[in-house]
Amino acid sequence: MNKRVTLDMPEEMHQLIVEYASEAGAEPDDYLRQMIQRELENLQDLAAADEAMKRIRSGEDKVVSSEEFWRGLDD
């Protein structure tokens, strides 16, 4: 089920959204929804990368060179 969200924003910001949406061939609401979705995906990617770095730093995971990686696949 979709939920409605109302935002207050400066007029200049709204105009930019309208312009960018128009350039993308989308309605402003759809354009904003896509922008929010992309940003949420980026935040998820950053969280996953942060967790991977914690595992590497703790020694739980290790980084290997591309040569070492491919050599391991040949075995």
Protein backbone atom coordinates (compact mmCIF):
# COMPACT_ATOMS: atom_id res chain seq x y z
CA MET A 1 0.00 0.00 0.00
CA ASN A 2 1.32 3.44 -0.91
CA LYS A 3 1.61 6.19 1.68
CA ARG A 4 1.29 9.89 0.95
CA VAL A 5 4.08 12.24 2.04
CA THR A 6 3.87 16.02 1.96
CA LEU A 7 7.01 18.14 1.77
CA ASP A 8 7.58 21.84 2.23
CA MET A 9 10.44 23.08 0.07
CA PRO A 10 11.76 26.35 -1.27
CA GLU A 11 10.24 27.48 -4.55
CA GLU A 12 13.65 27.31 -6.27
CA MET A 13 14.01 23.63 -5.34
CA HIS A 14 10.51 22.87 -6.61
CA GLN A 15 11.26 24.60 -9.90
CA LEU A 16 14.42 22.52 -10.35
CA ILE A 17 12.45 19.33 -9.73
CA VAL A 18 9.84 20.37 -12.27
CA GLU A 19 12.54 21.21 -14.83
CA TYR A 20 14.51 17.98 -14.31
CA ALA A 21 11.34 15.92 -14.37
CA SER A 22 10.31 17.54 -17.63
CA GLU A 23 13.74 16.86 -19.16
CA ALA A 24 13.41 13.22 -18.07
CA GLY A 25 9.90 12.99 -19.53
CA ALA A 26 8.35 12.32 -16.12
CA GLU A 27 5.85 13.94 -13.81
CA PRO A 28 7.43 15.67 -10.79
CA ASP A 29 5.88 13.16 -8.35
CA ASP A 30 7.26 10.20 -10.31
CA TYR A 31 10.63 11.89 -10.68
CA LEU A 32 10.88 12.51 -6.92
CA ARG A 33 9.85 8.92 -6.19
CA GLN A 34 12.62 7.67 -8.50
CA MET A 35 15.15 10.02 -6.87
CA ILE A 36 14.22 8.81 -3.41
CA GLN A 37 14.40 5.17 -4.52
CA ARG A 38 17.89 5.69 -5.99
CA GLU A 39 19.08 7.40 -2.83
CA LEU A 40 17.70 4.60 -0.64
CA GLU A 41 19.51 2.05 -2.83
CA ASN A 42 22.71 4.09 -2.51
CA LEU A 43 22.35 4.13 1.27
CA GLN A 44 21.88 0.35 1.29
CA ASP A 45 24.99 -0.06 -0.87
CA LEU A 46 26.99 2.19 1.47
CA ALA A 47 25.84 0.20 4.50
CA ALA A 48 26.85 -3.06 2.81
CA ALA A 49 30.26 -1.60 1.90
CA ASP A 50 30.73 -0.39 5.47
CA GLU A 51 29.96 -3.87 6.79
CA ALA A 52 32.41 -5.40 4.29
CA MET A 53 35.13 -2.98 5.41
CA LYS A 54 34.49 -3.91 9.06
CA ARG A 55 34.91 -7.60 8.19
CA ILE A 56 38.14 -6.86 6.29
CA ARG A 57 39.55 -4.75 9.13
CA SER A 58 38.68 -7.38 11.72
CA GLY A 59 40.34 -10.10 9.65
CA GLU A 60 37.08 -11.99 9.12
CA ASP A 61 37.40 -11.39 5.35
CA LYS A 62 40.48 -10.73 3.26
CA VAL A 63 41.26 -8.83 0.08
CA VAL A 64 42.96 -10.74 -2.73
CA SER A 65 44.52 -9.53 -5.96
CA SER A 66 42.79 -10.27 -9.25
CA GLU A 67 45.62 -12.66 -10.13
CA GLU A 68 45.14 -14.57 -6.88
CA PHE A 69 41.38 -14.64 -7.42
CA TRP A 70 41.62 -16.05 -10.95
CA ARG A 71 44.35 -18.49 -9.99
CA GLY A 72 42.04 -19.87 -7.30
CA LEU A 73 39.35 -20.52 -9.91
CA ASP A 74 41.70 -22.55 -12.10
CA ASP A 75 42.35 -25.08 -9.31
